[in-house]
Amino acid sequence: DNAAWTKSNSTITANAAVSPNGTTSA
């Protein structure tokens, strides 16, 4: 979701799922 990543015809929902490290950061 950071501005470093350009979104083209898409949006980002932050912290939407449990990641491979076990935290809700995917």
mmCIF file of all heavy atoms, coordinates in Angstrom:
data_MODEL
# 
_entry.id   MODEL 
# 
loop_
_atom_site.group_PDB 
_atom_site.id 
_atom_site.type_symbol 
_atom_site.label_atom_id 
_atom_site.label_alt_id 
_atom_site.label_comp_id 
_atom_site.label_asym_id 
_atom_site.label_entity_id 
_atom_site.label_seq_id 
_atom_site.pdbx_PDB_ins_code 
_atom_site.Cartn_x 
_atom_site.Cartn_y 
_atom_site.Cartn_z 
_atom_site.occupancy 
_atom_site.B_iso_or_equiv 
_atom_site.pdbx_formal_charge 
_atom_site.auth_seq_id 
_atom_site.auth_comp_id 
_atom_site.auth_asym_id 
_atom_site.auth_atom_id 
_atom_site.pdbx_PDB_model_num 
ATOM 1   N N   . ASP A 1 1  ? 0.820  -1.214  0.000   1.00 0.00 ? 1  ASP A N   1 
ATOM 2   C CA  . ASP A 1 1  ? 0.000  0.000   0.000   1.00 0.00 ? 1  ASP A CA  1 
ATOM 3   C C   . ASP A 1 1  ? 0.852  1.262   0.000   1.00 0.00 ? 1  ASP A C   1 
ATOM 4   O O   . ASP A 1 1  ? 0.346  2.352   -0.246  1.00 0.00 ? 1  ASP A O   1 
ATOM 5   C CB  . ASP A 1 1  ? -0.937 0.010   1.205   1.00 0.00 ? 1  ASP A CB  1 
ATOM 6   C CG  . ASP A 1 1  ? -0.191 -0.057  2.533   1.00 0.00 ? 1  ASP A CG  1 
ATOM 7   O OD1 . ASP A 1 1  ? 0.788  -0.832  2.636   1.00 0.00 ? 1  ASP A OD1 1 
ATOM 8   O OD2 . ASP A 1 1  ? -0.585 0.665   3.478   1.00 0.00 ? 1  ASP A OD2 1 
ATOM 9   N N   . ASN A 1 2  ? 2.157  1.125   0.261   1.00 0.00 ? 2  ASN A N   1 
ATOM 10  C CA  . ASN A 1 2  ? 3.046  2.285   0.286   1.00 0.00 ? 2  ASN A CA  1 
ATOM 11  C C   . ASN A 1 2  ? 3.174  2.902   -1.105  1.00 0.00 ? 2  ASN A C   1 
ATOM 12  O O   . ASN A 1 2  ? 3.072  2.203   -2.121  1.00 0.00 ? 2  ASN A O   1 
ATOM 13  C CB  . ASN A 1 2  ? 4.428  1.865   0.805   1.00 0.00 ? 2  ASN A CB  1 
ATOM 14  C CG  . ASN A 1 2  ? 5.328  3.050   1.059   1.00 0.00 ? 2  ASN A CG  1 
ATOM 15  O OD1 . ASN A 1 2  ? 5.971  3.568   0.149   1.00 0.00 ? 2  ASN A OD1 1 
ATOM 16  N ND2 . ASN A 1 2  ? 5.382  3.481   2.307   1.00 0.00 ? 2  ASN A ND2 1 
ATOM 17  N N   . ALA A 1 3  ? 3.428  4.210   -1.145  1.00 0.00 ? 3  ALA A N   1 
ATOM 18  C CA  . ALA A 1 3  ? 3.539  4.918   -2.418  1.00 0.00 ? 3  ALA A CA  1 
ATOM 19  C C   . ALA A 1 3  ? 4.716  4.446   -3.264  1.00 0.00 ? 3  ALA A C   1 
ATOM 20  O O   . ALA A 1 3  ? 4.766  4.722   -4.470  1.00 0.00 ? 3  ALA A O   1 
ATOM 21  C CB  . ALA A 1 3  ? 3.672  6.419   -2.157  1.00 0.00 ? 3  ALA A CB  1 
ATOM 22  N N   . ALA A 1 4  ? 5.661  3.719   -2.662  1.00 0.00 ? 4  ALA A N   1 
ATOM 23  C CA  . ALA A 1 4  ? 6.783  3.167   -3.428  1.00 0.00 ? 4  ALA A CA  1 
ATOM 24  C C   . ALA A 1 4  ? 6.301  2.167   -4.477  1.00 0.00 ? 4  ALA A C   1 
ATOM 25  O O   . ALA A 1 4  ? 6.973  1.946   -5.485  1.00 0.00 ? 4  ALA A O   1 
ATOM 26  C CB  . ALA A 1 4  ? 7.783  2.503   -2.492  1.00 0.00 ? 4  ALA A CB  1 
ATOM 27  N N   . TRP A 1 5  ? 5.128  1.558   -4.217  1.00 0.00 ? 5  TRP A N   1 
ATOM 28  C CA  . TRP A 1 5  ? 4.539  0.610   -5.170  1.00 0.00 ? 5  TRP A CA  1 
ATOM 29  C C   . TRP A 1 5  ? 3.457  1.335   -5.972  1.00 0.00 ? 5  TRP A C   1 
ATOM 30  O O   . TRP A 1 5  ? 2.472  1.820   -5.419  1.00 0.00 ? 5  TRP A O   1 
ATOM 31  C CB  . TRP A 1 5  ? 3.932  -0.582  -4.430  1.00 0.00 ? 5  TRP A CB  1 
ATOM 32  C CG  . TRP A 1 5  ? 4.969  -1.458  -3.795  1.00 0.00 ? 5  TRP A CG  1 
ATOM 33  C CD1 . TRP A 1 5  ? 5.519  -1.306  -2.557  1.00 0.00 ? 5  TRP A CD1 1 
ATOM 34  C CD2 . TRP A 1 5  ? 5.584  -2.603  -4.373  1.00 0.00 ? 5  TRP A CD2 1 
ATOM 35  N NE1 . TRP A 1 5  ? 6.446  -2.298  -2.323  1.00 0.00 ? 5  TRP A NE1 1 
ATOM 36  C CE2 . TRP A 1 5  ? 6.511  -3.108  -3.415  1.00 0.00 ? 5  TRP A CE2 1 
ATOM 37  C CE3 . TRP A 1 5  ? 5.447  -3.273  -5.585  1.00 0.00 ? 5  TRP A CE3 1 
ATOM 38  C CZ2 . TRP A 1 5  ? 7.292  -4.239  -3.663  1.00 0.00 ? 5  TRP A CZ2 1 
ATOM 39  C CZ3 . TRP A 1 5  ? 6.226  -4.396  -5.838  1.00 0.00 ? 5  TRP A CZ3 1 
ATOM 40  C CH2 . TRP A 1 5  ? 7.135  -4.866  -4.876  1.00 0.00 ? 5  TRP A CH2 1 
ATOM 41  N N   . THR A 1 6  ? 3.643  1.432   -7.268  1.00 0.00 ? 6  THR A N   1 
ATOM 42  C CA  . THR A 1 6  ? 2.673  2.059   -8.150  1.00 0.00 ? 6  THR A CA  1 
ATOM 43  C C   . THR A 1 6  ? 1.505  1.100   -8.384  1.00 0.00 ? 6  THR A C   1 
ATOM 44  O O   . THR A 1 6  ? 1.717  -0.075  -8.676  1.00 0.00 ? 6  THR A O   1 
ATOM 45  C CB  . THR A 1 6  ? 3.321  2.418   -9.499  1.00 0.00 ? 6  THR A CB  1 
ATOM 46  O OG1 . THR A 1 6  ? 4.389  3.344   -9.262  1.00 0.00 ? 6  THR A OG1 1 
ATOM 47  C CG2 . THR A 1 6  ? 2.310  3.043   -10.439 1.00 0.00 ? 6  THR A CG2 1 
ATOM 48  N N   . LYS A 1 7  ? 0.286  1.607   -8.231  1.00 0.00 ? 7  LYS A N   1 
ATOM 49  C CA  . LYS A 1 7  ? -0.909 0.791   -8.480  1.00 0.00 ? 7  LYS A CA  1 
ATOM 50  C C   . LYS A 1 7  ? -1.502 1.177   -9.834  1.00 0.00 ? 7  LYS A C   1 
ATOM 51  O O   . LYS A 1 7  ? -1.781 2.349   -10.078 1.00 0.00 ? 7  LYS A O   1 
ATOM 52  C CB  . LYS A 1 7  ? -1.968 0.989   -7.394  1.00 0.00 ? 7  LYS A CB  1 
ATOM 53  C CG  . LYS A 1 7  ? -1.553 0.441   -6.027  1.00 0.00 ? 7  LYS A CG  1 
ATOM 54  C CD  . LYS A 1 7  ? -0.595 1.372   -5.325  1.00 0.00 ? 7  LYS A CD  1 
ATOM 55  C CE  . LYS A 1 7  ? -0.280 0.926   -3.919  1.00 0.00 ? 7  LYS A CE  1 
ATOM 56  N NZ  . LYS A 1 7  ? 0.779  1.757   -3.306  1.00 0.00 ? 7  LYS A NZ  1 
ATOM 57  N N   . SER A 1 8  ? -1.661 0.198   -10.686 1.00 0.00 ? 8  SER A N   1 
ATOM 58  C CA  . SER A 1 8  ? -2.247 0.419   -12.004 1.00 0.00 ? 8  SER A CA  1 
ATOM 59  C C   . SER A 1 8  ? -3.549 -0.361  -12.103 1.00 0.00 ? 8  SER A C   1 
ATOM 60  O O   . SER A 1 8  ? -3.547 -1.596  -12.098 1.00 0.00 ? 8  SER A O   1 
ATOM 61  C CB  . SER A 1 8  ? -1.266 -0.041  -13.093 1.00 0.00 ? 8  SER A CB  1 
ATOM 62  O OG  . SER A 1 8  ? -1.833 0.123   -14.374 1.00 0.00 ? 8  SER A OG  1 
ATOM 63  N N   . ASN A 1 9  ? -4.651 0.355   -12.118 1.00 0.00 ? 9  ASN A N   1 
ATOM 64  C CA  . ASN A 1 9  ? -5.984 -0.269  -12.169 1.00 0.00 ? 9  ASN A CA  1 
ATOM 65  C C   . ASN A 1 9  ? -6.185 -1.262  -11.021 1.00 0.00 ? 9  ASN A C   1 
ATOM 66  O O   . ASN A 1 9  ? -6.763 -2.335  -11.193 1.00 0.00 ? 9  ASN A O   1 
ATOM 67  C CB  . ASN A 1 9  ? -6.213 -0.963  -13.515 1.00 0.00 ? 9  ASN A CB  1 
ATOM 68  C CG  . ASN A 1 9  ? -6.050 -0.019  -14.687 1.00 0.00 ? 9  ASN A CG  1 
ATOM 69  O OD1 . ASN A 1 9  ? -6.635 1.060   -14.708 1.00 0.00 ? 9  ASN A OD1 1 
ATOM 70  N ND2 . ASN A 1 9  ? -5.233 -0.405  -15.651 1.00 0.00 ? 9  ASN A ND2 1 
ATOM 71  N N   . SER A 1 10 ? -5.669 -0.892  -9.863  1.00 0.00 ? 10 SER A N   1 
ATOM 72  C CA  . SER A 1 10 ? -5.795 -1.752  -8.684  1.00 0.00 ? 10 SER A CA  1 
ATOM 73  C C   . SER A 1 10 ? -5.721 -0.907  -7.417  1.00 0.00 ? 10 SER A C   1 
ATOM 74  O O   . SER A 1 10 ? -5.252 0.236   -7.442  1.00 0.00 ? 10 SER A O   1 
ATOM 75  C CB  . SER A 1 10 ? -4.680 -2.804  -8.655  1.00 0.00 ? 10 SER A CB  1 
ATOM 76  O OG  . SER A 1 10 ? -3.423 -2.190  -8.425  1.00 0.00 ? 10 SER A OG  1 
ATOM 77  N N   . THR A 1 11 ? -6.212 -1.466  -6.338  1.00 0.00 ? 11 THR A N   1 
ATOM 78  C CA  . THR A 1 11 ? -6.072 -0.862  -5.020  1.00 0.00 ? 11 THR A CA  1 
ATOM 79  C C   . THR A 1 11 ? -5.472 -1.905  -4.085  1.00 0.00 ? 11 THR A C   1 
ATOM 80  O O   . THR A 1 11 ? -5.510 -3.102  -4.368  1.00 0.00 ? 11 THR A O   1 
ATOM 81  C CB  . THR A 1 11 ? -7.423 -0.385  -4.457  1.00 0.00 ? 11 THR A CB  1 
ATOM 82  O OG1 . THR A 1 11 ? -8.306 -1.512  -4.352  1.00 0.00 ? 11 THR A OG1 1 
ATOM 83  C CG2 . THR A 1 11 ? -8.055 0.670   -5.355  1.00 0.00 ? 11 THR A CG2 1 
ATOM 84  N N   . ILE A 1 12 ? -4.921 -1.450  -2.966  1.00 0.00 ? 12 ILE A N   1 
ATOM 85  C CA  . ILE A 1 12 ? -4.311 -2.345  -1.997  1.00 0.00 ? 12 ILE A CA  1 
ATOM 86  C C   . ILE A 1 12 ? -5.039 -2.233  -0.664  1.00 0.00 ? 12 ILE A C   1 
ATOM 87  O O   . ILE A 1 12 ? -5.212 -1.134  -0.134  1.00 0.00 ? 12 ILE A O   1 
ATOM 88  C CB  . ILE A 1 12 ? -2.820 -2.022  -1.783  1.00 0.00 ? 12 ILE A CB  1 
ATOM 89  C CG1 . ILE A 1 12 ? -2.044 -2.146  -3.099  1.00 0.00 ? 12 ILE A CG1 1 
ATOM 90  C CG2 . ILE A 1 12 ? -2.227 -2.932  -0.712  1.00 0.00 ? 12 ILE A CG2 1 
ATOM 91  C CD1 . ILE A 1 12 ? -1.937 -3.546  -3.642  1.00 0.00 ? 12 ILE A CD1 1 
ATOM 92  N N   . THR A 1 13 ? -5.463 -3.358  -0.122  1.00 0.00 ? 13 THR A N   1 
ATOM 93  C CA  . THR A 1 13 ? -6.013 -3.419  1.226   1.00 0.00 ? 13 THR A CA  1 
ATOM 94  C C   . THR A 1 13 ? -4.910 -3.915  2.146   1.00 0.00 ? 13 THR A C   1 
ATOM 95  O O   . THR A 1 13 ? -4.444 -5.052  2.005   1.00 0.00 ? 13 THR A O   1 
ATOM 96  C CB  . THR A 1 13 ? -7.215 -4.376  1.305   1.00 0.00 ? 13 THR A CB  1 
ATOM 97  O OG1 . THR A 1 13 ? -8.213 -3.939  0.384   1.00 0.00 ? 13 THR A OG1 1 
ATOM 98  C CG2 . THR A 1 13 ? -7.793 -4.403  2.713   1.00 0.00 ? 13 THR A CG2 1 
ATOM 99  N N   . ALA A 1 14 ? -4.445 -3.058  3.049   1.00 0.00 ? 14 ALA A N   1 
ATOM 100 C CA  . ALA A 1 14 ? -3.315 -3.398  3.913   1.00 0.00 ? 14 ALA A CA  1 
ATOM 101 C C   . ALA A 1 14 ? -3.732 -4.357  5.021   1.00 0.00 ? 14 ALA A C   1 
ATOM 102 O O   . ALA A 1 14 ? -4.870 -4.308  5.508   1.00 0.00 ? 14 ALA A O   1 
ATOM 103 C CB  . ALA A 1 14 ? -2.720 -2.131  4.517   1.00 0.00 ? 14 ALA A CB  1 
ATOM 104 N N   . ASN A 1 15 ? -2.782 -5.221  5.401   1.00 0.00 ? 15 ASN A N   1 
ATOM 105 C CA  . ASN A 1 15 ? -2.957 -6.118  6.553   1.00 0.00 ? 15 ASN A CA  1 
ATOM 106 C C   . ASN A 1 15 ? -4.276 -6.883  6.476   1.00 0.00 ? 15 ASN A C   1 
ATOM 107 O O   . ASN A 1 15 ? -5.072 -6.903  7.404   1.00 0.00 ? 15 ASN A O   1 
ATOM 108 C CB  . ASN A 1 15 ? -2.870 -5.323  7.855   1.00 0.00 ? 15 ASN A CB  1 
ATOM 109 C CG  . ASN A 1 15 ? -1.570 -4.546  7.952   1.00 0.00 ? 15 ASN A CG  1 
ATOM 110 O OD1 . ASN A 1 15 ? -0.530 -5.002  7.486   1.00 0.00 ? 15 ASN A OD1 1 
ATOM 111 N ND2 . ASN A 1 15 ? -1.627 -3.364  8.535   1.00 0.00 ? 15 ASN A ND2 1 
ATOM 112 N N   . ALA A 1 16 ? -4.475 -7.537  5.337   1.00 0.00 ? 16 ALA A N   1 
ATOM 113 C CA  . ALA A 1 16 ? -5.743 -8.202  5.059   1.00 0.00 ? 16 ALA A CA  1 
ATOM 114 C C   . ALA A 1 16 ? -5.724 -9.700  5.348   1.00 0.00 ? 16 ALA A C   1 
ATOM 115 O O   . ALA A 1 16 ? -6.777 -10.343 5.312   1.00 0.00 ? 16 ALA A O   1 
ATOM 116 C CB  . ALA A 1 16 ? -6.132 -7.984  3.597   1.00 0.00 ? 16 ALA A CB  1 
ATOM 117 N N   . ALA A 1 17 ? -4.555 -10.267 5.633   1.00 0.00 ? 17 ALA A N   1 
ATOM 118 C CA  . ALA A 1 17 ? -4.463 -11.714 5.861   1.00 0.00 ? 17 ALA A CA  1 
ATOM 119 C C   . ALA A 1 17 ? -3.213 -12.029 6.678   1.00 0.00 ? 17 ALA A C   1 
ATOM 120 O O   . ALA A 1 17 ? -2.282 -11.209 6.764   1.00 0.00 ? 17 ALA A O   1 
ATOM 121 C CB  . ALA A 1 17 ? -4.427 -12.469 4.538   1.00 0.00 ? 17 ALA A CB  1 
ATOM 122 N N   . VAL A 1 18 ? -3.186 -13.213 7.244   1.00 0.00 ? 18 VAL A N   1 
ATOM 123 C CA  . VAL A 1 18 ? -2.018 -13.678 7.993   1.00 0.00 ? 18 VAL A CA  1 
ATOM 124 C C   . VAL A 1 18 ? -0.926 -14.057 6.993   1.00 0.00 ? 18 VAL A C   1 
ATOM 125 O O   . VAL A 1 18 ? -1.162 -14.817 6.053   1.00 0.00 ? 18 VAL A O   1 
ATOM 126 C CB  . VAL A 1 18 ? -2.370 -14.887 8.876   1.00 0.00 ? 18 VAL A CB  1 
ATOM 127 C CG1 . VAL A 1 18 ? -1.125 -15.434 9.570   1.00 0.00 ? 18 VAL A CG1 1 
ATOM 128 C CG2 . VAL A 1 18 ? -3.417 -14.492 9.912   1.00 0.00 ? 18 VAL A CG2 1 
ATOM 129 N N   . SER A 1 19 ? 0.257  -13.507 7.193   1.00 0.00 ? 19 SER A N   1 
ATOM 130 C CA  . SER A 1 19 ? 1.372  -13.698 6.269   1.00 0.00 ? 19 SER A CA  1 
ATOM 131 C C   . SER A 1 19 ? 2.192  -14.940 6.631   1.00 0.00 ? 19 SER A C   1 
ATOM 132 O O   . SER A 1 19 ? 1.943  -15.581 7.661   1.00 0.00 ? 19 SER A O   1 
ATOM 133 C CB  . SER A 1 19 ? 2.270  -12.461 6.306   1.00 0.00 ? 19 SER A CB  1 
ATOM 134 O OG  . SER A 1 19 ? 3.001  -12.439 7.516   1.00 0.00 ? 19 SER A OG  1 
ATOM 135 N N   . PRO A 1 20 ? 3.198  -15.277 5.824   1.00 0.00 ? 20 PRO A N   1 
ATOM 136 C CA  . PRO A 1 20 ? 4.053  -16.434 6.133   1.00 0.00 ? 20 PRO A CA  1 
ATOM 137 C C   . PRO A 1 20 ? 4.868  -16.298 7.420   1.00 0.00 ? 20 PRO A C   1 
ATOM 138 O O   . PRO A 1 20 ? 5.477  -17.275 7.856   1.00 0.00 ? 20 PRO A O   1 
ATOM 139 C CB  . PRO A 1 20 ? 4.975  -16.525 4.912   1.00 0.00 ? 20 PRO A CB  1 
ATOM 140 C CG  . PRO A 1 20 ? 4.173  -15.948 3.801   1.00 0.00 ? 20 PRO A CG  1 
ATOM 141 C CD  . PRO A 1 20 ? 3.433  -14.806 4.439   1.00 0.00 ? 20 PRO A CD  1 
ATOM 142 N N   . ASN A 1 21 ? 4.897  -15.113 8.031   1.00 0.00 ? 21 ASN A N   1 
ATOM 143 C CA  . ASN A 1 21 ? 5.603  -14.994 9.322   1.00 0.00 ? 21 ASN A CA  1 
ATOM 144 C C   . ASN A 1 21 ? 4.642  -15.070 10.513  1.00 0.00 ? 21 ASN A C   1 
ATOM 145 O O   . ASN A 1 21 ? 5.053  -14.874 11.662  1.00 0.00 ? 21 ASN A O   1 
ATOM 146 C CB  . ASN A 1 21 ? 6.446  -13.716 9.380   1.00 0.00 ? 21 ASN A CB  1 
ATOM 147 C CG  . ASN A 1 21 ? 5.611  -12.445 9.477   1.00 0.00 ? 21 ASN A CG  1 
ATOM 148 O OD1 . ASN A 1 21 ? 4.384  -12.489 9.554   1.00 0.00 ? 21 ASN A OD1 1 
ATOM 149 N ND2 . ASN A 1 21 ? 6.276  -11.308 9.471   1.00 0.00 ? 21 ASN A ND2 1 
ATOM 150 N N   . GLY A 1 22 ? 3.361  -15.349 10.240  1.00 0.00 ? 22 GLY A N   1 
ATOM 151 C CA  . GLY A 1 22 ? 2.390  -15.552 11.305  1.00 0.00 ? 22 GLY A CA  1 
ATOM 152 C C   . GLY A 1 22 ? 1.707  -14.297 11.798  1.00 0.00 ? 22 GLY A C   1 
ATOM 153 O O   . GLY A 1 22 ? 0.857  -14.371 12.685  1.00 0.00 ? 22 GLY A O   1 
ATOM 154 N N   . THR A 1 23 ? 2.044  -13.136 11.241  1.00 0.00 ? 23 THR A N   1 
ATOM 155 C CA  . THR A 1 23 ? 1.403  -11.887 11.637  1.00 0.00 ? 23 THR A CA  1 
ATOM 156 C C   . THR A 1 23 ? 0.387  -11.468 10.578  1.00 0.00 ? 23 THR A C   1 
ATOM 157 O O   . THR A 1 23 ? 0.473  -11.888 9.419   1.00 0.00 ? 23 THR A O   1 
ATOM 158 C CB  . THR A 1 23 ? 2.427  -10.753 11.814  1.00 0.00 ? 23 THR A CB  1 
ATOM 159 O OG1 . THR A 1 23 ? 3.021  -10.457 10.535  1.00 0.00 ? 23 THR A OG1 1 
ATOM 160 C CG2 . THR A 1 23 ? 3.509  -11.153 12.804  1.00 0.00 ? 23 THR A CG2 1 
ATOM 161 N N   . THR A 1 24 ? -0.556 -10.623 10.948  1.00 0.00 ? 24 THR A N   1 
ATOM 162 C CA  . THR A 1 24 ? -1.539 -10.123 9.990   1.00 0.00 ? 24 THR A CA  1 
ATOM 163 C C   . THR A 1 24 ? -0.934 -8.935  9.258   1.00 0.00 ? 24 THR A C   1 
ATOM 164 O O   . THR A 1 24 ? -1.234 -7.769  9.549   1.00 0.00 ? 24 THR A O   1 
ATOM 165 C CB  . THR A 1 24 ? -2.852 -9.736  10.694  1.00 0.00 ? 24 THR A CB  1 
ATOM 166 O OG1 . THR A 1 24 ? -3.311 -10.855 11.458  1.00 0.00 ? 24 THR A OG1 1 
ATOM 167 C CG2 . THR A 1 24 ? -3.931 -9.352  9.683   1.00 0.00 ? 24 THR A CG2 1 
ATOM 168 N N   . SER A 1 25 ? -0.055 -9.240  8.310   1.00 0.00 ? 25 SER A N   1 
ATOM 169 C CA  . SER A 1 25 ? 0.677  -8.193  7.603   1.00 0.00 ? 25 SER A CA  1 
ATOM 170 C C   . SER A 1 25 ? 0.654  -8.364  6.093   1.00 0.00 ? 25 SER A C   1 
ATOM 171 O O   . SER A 1 25 ? 1.274  -7.585  5.371   1.00 0.00 ? 25 SER A O   1 
ATOM 172 C CB  . SER A 1 25 ? 2.138  -8.160  8.084   1.00 0.00 ? 25 SER A CB  1 
ATOM 173 O OG  . SER A 1 25 ? 2.764  -9.422  7.893   1.00 0.00 ? 25 SER A OG  1 
ATOM 174 N N   . ALA A 1 26 ? -0.067 -9.375  5.598   1.00 0.00 ? 26 ALA A N   1 
ATOM 175 C CA  . ALA A 1 26 ? -0.167 -9.560  4.151   1.00 0.00 ? 26 ALA A CA  1 
ATOM 176 C C   . ALA A 1 26 ? -1.210 -8.607  3.582   1.00 0.00 ? 26 ALA A C   1 
ATOM 177 O O   . ALA A 1 26 ? -2.250 -8.363  4.195   1.00 0.00 ? 26 ALA A O   1 
ATOM 178 C CB  . ALA A 1 26 ? -0.552 -10.998 3.828   1.00 0.00 ? 26 ALA A CB  1 
# 
